[in-house]
């Protein structure tokens, strides 16, 4: 079981729209993560270099994605949205000089609000879920094999 899902959204014109469309993979992946029990989400808006580091485009993507993930079951206020460029490494590990308008993300948690600026900060802010380590081990079995001559 994963503690968190990172939803990478293509920020390029046409790419975001294709992913968020009714049959798009962005919708499918967010819904799949929630259905599988992953309750923490990070949204990374990739390819910001192709949008010329546009703040308006980033805000448009946040608005549409927030509406959608809320319908899926995530709280948009608990989801960090990070503009990145994987090609250039912007906002991945260190703050990007190409997006001076970006002031960082804020995420609501049980322990209070957490702030950060990069994708690494968002990953570091993942809260480990409570695990019943004091309970007996449970192990799912798919099948039992009887192999002749052994055991």
N, C-alpha and C. Protein backbone atom coordinates (compact mmCIF):
# COMPACT_ATOMS: atom_id res chain seq x y z
N UNK A 1 0.85 -1.19 0.00
CA UNK A 1 0.00 0.00 0.00
C UNK A 1 0.88 1.24 0.00
N UNK A 2 0.61 2.13 -0.90
CA UNK A 2 1.38 3.38 -1.00
C UNK A 2 0.86 4.38 0.03
N UNK A 3 1.78 5.20 0.57
CA UNK A 3 1.40 6.25 1.51
C UNK A 3 0.90 7.49 0.77
N UNK A 4 1.37 7.69 -0.45
CA UNK A 4 1.04 8.90 -1.20
C UNK A 4 1.16 8.62 -2.70
N UNK A 5 0.37 9.35 -3.48
CA UNK A 5 0.48 9.27 -4.95
C UNK A 5 0.96 10.62 -5.45
N UNK A 6 1.82 10.60 -6.45
CA UNK A 6 2.24 11.84 -7.11
C UNK A 6 1.62 11.82 -8.50
N UNK A 7 0.71 12.75 -8.73
CA UNK A 7 0.03 12.86 -10.01
C UNK A 7 0.79 13.87 -10.86
N UNK A 8 1.44 13.40 -11.92
CA UNK A 8 2.19 14.28 -12.81
C UNK A 8 1.25 14.70 -13.93
N UNK A 9 1.03 16.00 -14.04
CA UNK A 9 0.13 16.54 -15.06
C UNK A 9 0.95 17.31 -16.08
N UNK A 10 0.74 17.03 -17.36
CA UNK A 10 1.44 17.76 -18.41
C UNK A 10 0.80 19.14 -18.54
N UNK A 11 1.61 20.18 -18.41
CA UNK A 11 1.11 21.55 -18.46
C UNK A 11 0.96 22.11 -19.85
N UNK A 12 1.49 21.41 -20.86
CA UNK A 12 1.46 21.91 -22.23
C UNK A 12 0.05 22.08 -22.76
N UNK A 13 -0.09 23.04 -23.68
CA UNK A 13 -1.39 23.30 -24.29
C UNK A 13 -1.87 22.06 -25.03
N UNK A 14 -3.07 21.62 -24.73
CA UNK A 14 -3.64 20.43 -25.35
C UNK A 14 -3.35 19.17 -24.55
N UNK A 15 -2.18 19.09 -23.95
CA UNK A 15 -1.82 17.89 -23.18
C UNK A 15 -2.63 17.80 -21.89
N UNK A 16 -2.73 18.91 -21.17
CA UNK A 16 -3.52 18.92 -19.94
C UNK A 16 -4.98 18.62 -20.25
N UNK A 17 -5.49 19.26 -21.29
CA UNK A 17 -6.90 19.09 -21.66
C UNK A 17 -7.20 17.64 -22.03
N UNK A 18 -6.26 16.98 -22.71
CA UNK A 18 -6.45 15.57 -23.08
C UNK A 18 -6.46 14.69 -21.82
N UNK A 19 -5.59 14.98 -20.87
CA UNK A 19 -5.52 14.17 -19.65
C UNK A 19 -6.70 14.33 -18.73
N UNK A 20 -7.26 15.54 -18.68
CA UNK A 20 -8.35 15.83 -17.76
C UNK A 20 -9.73 15.60 -18.40
N UNK A 21 -9.73 15.27 -19.70
CA UNK A 21 -11.00 15.03 -20.40
C UNK A 21 -11.71 13.82 -19.79
N UNK A 22 -12.94 13.60 -20.21
CA UNK A 22 -13.77 12.55 -19.62
C UNK A 22 -13.08 11.18 -19.60
N UNK A 23 -12.37 10.85 -20.66
CA UNK A 23 -11.69 9.55 -20.72
C UNK A 23 -10.17 9.68 -20.56
N UNK A 24 -9.72 10.81 -20.01
CA UNK A 24 -8.29 11.07 -19.89
C UNK A 24 -7.61 10.26 -18.80
N UNK A 25 -6.30 10.06 -18.96
CA UNK A 25 -5.54 9.26 -18.00
C UNK A 25 -5.34 9.98 -16.68
N UNK A 26 -5.30 11.30 -16.69
CA UNK A 26 -5.14 12.03 -15.43
C UNK A 26 -6.30 11.71 -14.50
N UNK A 27 -7.50 11.77 -15.03
CA UNK A 27 -8.70 11.42 -14.25
C UNK A 27 -8.63 9.97 -13.77
N UNK A 28 -8.27 9.10 -14.69
CA UNK A 28 -8.22 7.67 -14.39
C UNK A 28 -7.22 7.37 -13.27
N UNK A 29 -6.05 7.98 -13.33
CA UNK A 29 -5.01 7.70 -12.34
C UNK A 29 -5.38 8.25 -10.96
N UNK A 30 -5.96 9.44 -10.92
CA UNK A 30 -6.38 10.00 -9.63
C UNK A 30 -7.48 9.14 -9.00
N UNK A 31 -8.43 8.73 -9.79
CA UNK A 31 -9.53 7.89 -9.31
C UNK A 31 -9.00 6.53 -8.85
N UNK A 32 -8.08 5.97 -9.61
CA UNK A 32 -7.50 4.67 -9.26
C UNK A 32 -6.74 4.75 -7.94
N UNK A 33 -5.95 5.81 -7.77
CA UNK A 33 -5.19 5.97 -6.52
C UNK A 33 -6.13 6.05 -5.33
N UNK A 34 -7.19 6.85 -5.44
CA UNK A 34 -8.13 6.99 -4.33
C UNK A 34 -8.86 5.67 -4.07
N UNK A 35 -9.26 5.00 -5.13
CA UNK A 35 -9.98 3.73 -4.99
C UNK A 35 -9.11 2.67 -4.32
N UNK A 36 -7.80 2.72 -4.57
CA UNK A 36 -6.88 1.76 -3.97
C UNK A 36 -6.50 2.12 -2.53
N UNK A 37 -7.05 3.23 -2.03
CA UNK A 37 -6.83 3.58 -0.63
C UNK A 37 -5.72 4.57 -0.37
N UNK A 38 -5.16 5.15 -1.42
CA UNK A 38 -4.10 6.15 -1.25
C UNK A 38 -4.79 7.48 -0.93
N UNK A 39 -4.60 7.98 0.30
CA UNK A 39 -5.34 9.16 0.75
C UNK A 39 -4.54 10.46 0.68
N UNK A 40 -3.25 10.37 0.39
CA UNK A 40 -2.45 11.58 0.23
C UNK A 40 -2.05 11.72 -1.23
N UNK A 41 -2.10 12.95 -1.71
CA UNK A 41 -1.83 13.21 -3.13
C UNK A 41 -0.95 14.44 -3.27
N UNK A 42 -0.02 14.38 -4.20
CA UNK A 42 0.79 15.52 -4.60
C UNK A 42 0.55 15.70 -6.09
N UNK A 43 0.31 16.93 -6.53
CA UNK A 43 0.13 17.20 -7.96
C UNK A 43 1.33 18.01 -8.44
N UNK A 44 2.06 17.45 -9.41
CA UNK A 44 3.18 18.14 -10.03
C UNK A 44 2.78 18.52 -11.45
N UNK A 45 2.77 19.82 -11.73
CA UNK A 45 2.43 20.29 -13.08
C UNK A 45 3.73 20.38 -13.86
N UNK A 46 3.94 19.42 -14.75
CA UNK A 46 5.19 19.29 -15.48
C UNK A 46 5.16 20.09 -16.79
N UNK A 47 6.30 20.20 -17.42
CA UNK A 47 6.47 20.87 -18.71
C UNK A 47 6.14 22.36 -18.64
N UNK A 48 6.44 22.97 -17.50
CA UNK A 48 6.19 24.41 -17.36
C UNK A 48 7.07 25.22 -18.32
N UNK A 49 8.18 24.63 -18.76
CA UNK A 49 9.04 25.31 -19.74
C UNK A 49 8.32 25.50 -21.07
N UNK A 50 7.42 24.57 -21.44
CA UNK A 50 6.70 24.68 -22.71
C UNK A 50 5.60 25.74 -22.65
N UNK A 51 5.22 26.15 -21.45
CA UNK A 51 4.21 27.20 -21.30
C UNK A 51 4.86 28.56 -21.05
N UNK A 52 6.19 28.60 -21.24
CA UNK A 52 6.98 29.81 -20.96
C UNK A 52 6.81 30.23 -19.50
N UNK A 53 6.74 29.23 -18.62
CA UNK A 53 6.67 29.44 -17.17
C UNK A 53 5.44 30.27 -16.78
N UNK A 54 4.32 30.04 -17.45
CA UNK A 54 3.12 30.87 -17.29
C UNK A 54 2.40 30.64 -15.96
N UNK A 55 2.27 31.71 -15.19
CA UNK A 55 1.51 31.66 -13.93
C UNK A 55 0.03 31.45 -14.21
N UNK A 56 -0.49 32.09 -15.26
CA UNK A 56 -1.91 31.94 -15.60
C UNK A 56 -2.24 30.49 -15.95
N UNK A 57 -1.36 29.85 -16.71
CA UNK A 57 -1.59 28.45 -17.09
C UNK A 57 -1.56 27.56 -15.84
N UNK A 58 -0.61 27.79 -14.96
CA UNK A 58 -0.50 27.02 -13.72
C UNK A 58 -1.77 27.18 -12.88
N UNK A 59 -2.26 28.40 -12.73
CA UNK A 59 -3.47 28.65 -11.94
C UNK A 59 -4.70 28.03 -12.58
N UNK A 60 -4.75 28.04 -13.91
CA UNK A 60 -5.87 27.40 -14.62
C UNK A 60 -5.88 25.89 -14.35
N UNK A 61 -4.70 25.29 -14.38
CA UNK A 61 -4.58 23.84 -14.13
C UNK A 61 -4.94 23.52 -12.68
N UNK A 62 -4.51 24.35 -11.74
CA UNK A 62 -4.86 24.15 -10.32
C UNK A 62 -6.38 24.18 -10.15
N UNK A 63 -7.01 25.17 -10.76
CA UNK A 63 -8.46 25.34 -10.61
C UNK A 63 -9.22 24.12 -11.13
N UNK A 64 -8.90 23.69 -12.35
CA UNK A 64 -9.61 22.55 -12.94
C UNK A 64 -9.31 21.25 -12.20
N UNK A 65 -8.05 21.05 -11.84
CA UNK A 65 -7.66 19.82 -11.16
C UNK A 65 -8.26 19.76 -9.76
N UNK A 66 -8.30 20.89 -9.06
CA UNK A 66 -8.89 20.92 -7.71
C UNK A 66 -10.35 20.51 -7.74
N UNK A 67 -11.08 21.03 -8.72
CA UNK A 67 -12.50 20.68 -8.86
C UNK A 67 -12.65 19.17 -9.07
N UNK A 68 -11.81 18.62 -9.93
CA UNK A 68 -11.90 17.20 -10.23
C UNK A 68 -11.52 16.32 -9.04
N UNK A 69 -10.37 16.61 -8.40
CA UNK A 69 -9.92 15.72 -7.31
C UNK A 69 -10.86 15.80 -6.11
N UNK A 70 -11.56 16.92 -5.96
CA UNK A 70 -12.55 17.03 -4.88
C UNK A 70 -13.69 16.05 -5.13
N UNK A 71 -14.11 15.92 -6.40
CA UNK A 71 -15.17 14.96 -6.75
C UNK A 71 -14.72 13.53 -6.51
N UNK A 72 -13.43 13.26 -6.72
CA UNK A 72 -12.88 11.91 -6.50
C UNK A 72 -12.89 11.57 -5.02
N UNK A 73 -12.60 12.57 -4.16
CA UNK A 73 -12.59 12.32 -2.72
C UNK A 73 -11.43 12.97 -1.98
N UNK A 74 -10.50 13.59 -2.71
CA UNK A 74 -9.37 14.28 -2.07
C UNK A 74 -9.78 15.69 -1.65
N UNK A 75 -9.14 16.19 -0.60
CA UNK A 75 -9.34 17.58 -0.17
C UNK A 75 -8.27 18.42 -0.87
N UNK A 76 -8.65 19.31 -1.80
CA UNK A 76 -7.66 20.11 -2.52
C UNK A 76 -6.76 20.96 -1.62
N UNK A 77 -7.24 21.31 -0.42
CA UNK A 77 -6.43 22.11 0.50
C UNK A 77 -5.32 21.28 1.14
N UNK A 78 -5.44 19.96 1.05
CA UNK A 78 -4.42 19.06 1.61
C UNK A 78 -3.50 18.52 0.52
N UNK A 79 -3.62 19.10 -0.69
CA UNK A 79 -2.82 18.64 -1.83
C UNK A 79 -1.87 19.74 -2.28
N UNK A 80 -0.55 19.50 -2.21
CA UNK A 80 0.38 20.50 -2.73
C UNK A 80 0.41 20.46 -4.26
N UNK A 81 0.33 21.63 -4.89
CA UNK A 81 0.45 21.76 -6.34
C UNK A 81 1.81 22.41 -6.62
N UNK A 82 2.66 21.71 -7.36
CA UNK A 82 4.02 22.19 -7.60
C UNK A 82 4.27 22.32 -9.11
N UNK A 83 4.61 23.52 -9.60
CA UNK A 83 4.97 23.65 -11.02
C UNK A 83 6.41 23.18 -11.21
N UNK A 84 6.63 22.26 -12.14
CA UNK A 84 7.98 21.73 -12.35
C UNK A 84 8.31 21.68 -13.84
N UNK A 85 9.57 21.49 -14.11
CA UNK A 85 10.04 21.15 -15.44
C UNK A 85 11.05 20.02 -15.27
N UNK A 86 10.65 18.83 -15.62
CA UNK A 86 11.54 17.69 -15.50
C UNK A 86 12.74 17.81 -16.43
N UNK A 87 12.52 18.43 -17.58
CA UNK A 87 13.59 18.60 -18.57
C UNK A 87 14.72 19.46 -18.02
N UNK A 88 14.33 20.55 -17.34
CA UNK A 88 15.32 21.49 -16.80
C UNK A 88 15.60 21.27 -15.31
N UNK A 89 14.79 20.44 -14.65
CA UNK A 89 14.97 20.19 -13.22
C UNK A 89 14.42 21.30 -12.33
N UNK A 90 13.57 22.16 -12.88
CA UNK A 90 13.05 23.30 -12.12
C UNK A 90 12.05 22.85 -11.06
N UNK A 91 12.23 23.35 -9.84
CA UNK A 91 11.34 23.09 -8.70
C UNK A 91 11.28 21.61 -8.31
N UNK A 92 12.24 20.84 -8.75
CA UNK A 92 12.27 19.44 -8.36
C UNK A 92 12.96 19.32 -6.99
N UNK A 93 14.22 19.71 -6.94
CA UNK A 93 14.99 19.65 -5.69
C UNK A 93 15.24 21.03 -5.11
N UNK A 94 15.38 22.02 -6.00
CA UNK A 94 15.67 23.39 -5.58
C UNK A 94 14.70 24.35 -6.25
N UNK A 95 14.51 25.51 -5.64
CA UNK A 95 13.62 26.53 -6.20
C UNK A 95 14.10 26.96 -7.58
N UNK A 96 13.15 27.28 -8.44
CA UNK A 96 13.48 27.67 -9.80
C UNK A 96 13.53 29.19 -9.96
N UNK A 97 14.59 29.71 -10.58
CA UNK A 97 14.63 31.15 -10.86
C UNK A 97 13.71 31.52 -12.03
N UNK A 98 13.21 30.52 -12.77
CA UNK A 98 12.36 30.78 -13.93
C UNK A 98 10.91 31.11 -13.55
N UNK A 99 10.54 30.85 -12.30
CA UNK A 99 9.16 31.11 -11.86
C UNK A 99 9.16 31.99 -10.62
N UNK A 100 9.59 33.25 -10.74
CA UNK A 100 9.65 34.12 -9.56
C UNK A 100 8.27 34.39 -8.96
N UNK A 101 7.22 34.19 -9.74
CA UNK A 101 5.85 34.40 -9.28
C UNK A 101 5.40 33.30 -8.31
N UNK A 102 6.05 32.14 -8.35
CA UNK A 102 5.63 31.00 -7.53
C UNK A 102 6.11 31.19 -6.10
N UNK A 103 5.16 31.28 -5.17
CA UNK A 103 5.48 31.53 -3.76
C UNK A 103 5.44 30.27 -2.91
N UNK A 104 5.24 29.12 -3.54
CA UNK A 104 5.23 27.87 -2.81
C UNK A 104 3.83 27.34 -2.59
N UNK A 105 3.74 26.20 -1.95
CA UNK A 105 2.46 25.56 -1.67
C UNK A 105 2.24 25.48 -0.16
N UNK A 106 0.97 25.37 0.20
CA UNK A 106 0.57 25.16 1.60
C UNK A 106 -0.36 23.96 1.63
N UNK A 107 -0.13 23.09 2.60
CA UNK A 107 -0.90 21.85 2.71
C UNK A 107 -1.46 21.75 4.11
N UNK A 108 -2.76 21.52 4.22
CA UNK A 108 -3.39 21.32 5.53
C UNK A 108 -3.20 19.87 5.96
N UNK A 109 -2.73 19.69 7.19
CA UNK A 109 -2.56 18.36 7.77
C UNK A 109 -3.17 18.34 9.16
N UNK A 110 -3.27 17.16 9.73
CA UNK A 110 -3.79 17.03 11.10
C UNK A 110 -2.92 17.81 12.08
N UNK A 111 -1.62 17.82 11.82
CA UNK A 111 -0.68 18.50 12.72
C UNK A 111 -0.59 20.00 12.46
N UNK A 112 -1.32 20.51 11.47
CA UNK A 112 -1.28 21.94 11.14
C UNK A 112 -0.86 22.15 9.69
N UNK A 113 -0.74 23.40 9.31
CA UNK A 113 -0.37 23.73 7.93
C UNK A 113 1.13 23.52 7.71
N UNK A 114 1.46 22.98 6.55
CA UNK A 114 2.86 22.77 6.16
C UNK A 114 3.08 23.53 4.86
N UNK A 115 4.25 24.17 4.75
CA UNK A 115 4.57 24.94 3.55
C UNK A 115 5.84 24.40 2.92
N UNK A 116 5.93 24.59 1.61
CA UNK A 116 7.13 24.19 0.88
C UNK A 116 7.15 24.85 -0.48
N UNK A 117 8.23 24.61 -1.22
CA UNK A 117 8.36 25.24 -2.54
C UNK A 117 8.66 24.24 -3.65
N UNK A 118 9.24 23.10 -3.31
CA UNK A 118 9.67 22.16 -4.35
C UNK A 118 8.93 20.83 -4.24
N UNK A 119 9.13 19.99 -5.26
CA UNK A 119 8.55 18.65 -5.24
C UNK A 119 9.15 17.83 -4.09
N UNK A 120 10.44 18.00 -3.86
CA UNK A 120 11.09 17.30 -2.75
C UNK A 120 10.50 17.71 -1.41
N UNK A 121 10.20 19.00 -1.24
CA UNK A 121 9.54 19.47 -0.01
C UNK A 121 8.19 18.78 0.17
N UNK A 122 7.44 18.64 -0.93
CA UNK A 122 6.12 18.00 -0.87
C UNK A 122 6.26 16.53 -0.48
N UNK A 123 7.27 15.87 -1.01
CA UNK A 123 7.51 14.46 -0.67
C UNK A 123 7.91 14.34 0.80
N UNK A 124 8.74 15.27 1.26
CA UNK A 124 9.15 15.26 2.67
C UNK A 124 7.98 15.52 3.62
N UNK A 125 6.92 16.17 3.12
CA UNK A 125 5.76 16.52 3.96
C UNK A 125 4.71 15.41 4.01
N UNK A 126 4.99 14.27 3.38
CA UNK A 126 4.05 13.15 3.43
C UNK A 126 3.96 12.65 4.87
N UNK A 127 2.73 12.52 5.36
CA UNK A 127 2.51 12.01 6.71
C UNK A 127 2.40 10.49 6.66
N UNK A 128 3.23 9.78 7.42
CA UNK A 128 3.07 8.32 7.42
C UNK A 128 1.74 7.95 8.07
N UNK A 129 0.95 7.11 7.42
CA UNK A 129 -0.33 6.71 8.01
C UNK A 129 -0.11 5.81 9.22
N UNK A 130 -1.10 5.76 10.10
CA UNK A 130 -0.98 4.87 11.26
C UNK A 130 -1.08 3.43 10.78
N UNK A 131 -0.22 2.62 11.31
CA UNK A 131 -0.21 1.21 10.93
C UNK A 131 -0.41 0.38 12.19
N UNK A 132 -1.26 -0.63 12.12
CA UNK A 132 -1.53 -1.46 13.31
C UNK A 132 -0.39 -2.44 13.58
N UNK A 133 0.78 -1.91 13.95
CA UNK A 133 1.95 -2.77 14.16
C UNK A 133 1.84 -3.62 15.43
N UNK A 134 0.90 -3.27 16.30
CA UNK A 134 0.71 -4.04 17.53
C UNK A 134 -0.23 -5.23 17.32
N UNK A 135 -0.80 -5.34 16.13
CA UNK A 135 -1.74 -6.42 15.82
C UNK A 135 -1.01 -7.58 15.14
N UNK A 136 -1.64 -8.75 15.11
CA UNK A 136 -1.01 -9.90 14.44
C UNK A 136 -0.84 -9.63 12.94
N UNK A 137 0.16 -10.29 12.36
CA UNK A 137 0.43 -10.15 10.93
C UNK A 137 -0.71 -10.74 10.12
N UNK A 138 -1.13 -10.01 9.10
CA UNK A 138 -2.11 -10.53 8.16
C UNK A 138 -1.43 -10.65 6.81
N UNK A 139 -1.65 -11.77 6.17
CA UNK A 139 -1.00 -12.02 4.90
C UNK A 139 -2.03 -12.56 3.91
N UNK A 140 -2.27 -11.86 2.82
CA UNK A 140 -3.24 -12.38 1.84
C UNK A 140 -2.65 -13.54 1.05
N UNK A 141 -3.40 -14.61 0.91
CA UNK A 141 -2.97 -15.77 0.12
C UNK A 141 -3.80 -15.82 -1.15
N UNK A 142 -3.11 -16.08 -2.25
CA UNK A 142 -3.82 -16.17 -3.52
C UNK A 142 -4.16 -17.62 -3.85
N UNK A 143 -3.23 -18.52 -3.54
CA UNK A 143 -3.45 -19.92 -3.89
C UNK A 143 -2.53 -20.79 -3.03
N UNK A 144 -2.88 -22.05 -2.90
CA UNK A 144 -2.05 -23.02 -2.18
C UNK A 144 -1.64 -24.09 -3.18
N UNK A 145 -0.35 -24.34 -3.24
CA UNK A 145 0.16 -25.34 -4.18
C UNK A 145 0.64 -26.57 -3.42
N UNK A 146 0.27 -27.75 -3.92
CA UNK A 146 0.77 -29.00 -3.35
C UNK A 146 1.71 -29.60 -4.38
N UNK A 147 2.97 -29.65 -3.98
CA UNK A 147 3.99 -30.16 -4.89
C UNK A 147 4.38 -31.55 -4.40
N UNK A 148 4.16 -32.54 -5.23
CA UNK A 148 4.44 -33.92 -4.87
C UNK A 148 5.92 -34.15 -4.57
N UNK A 149 6.19 -34.91 -3.50
CA UNK A 149 7.55 -35.26 -3.15
C UNK A 149 8.26 -34.23 -2.30
N UNK A 150 7.60 -33.13 -2.01
CA UNK A 150 8.21 -32.08 -1.18
C UNK A 150 7.29 -31.82 0.00
N UNK A 151 7.86 -31.78 1.22
CA UNK A 151 7.11 -31.41 2.41
C UNK A 151 6.23 -32.40 2.98
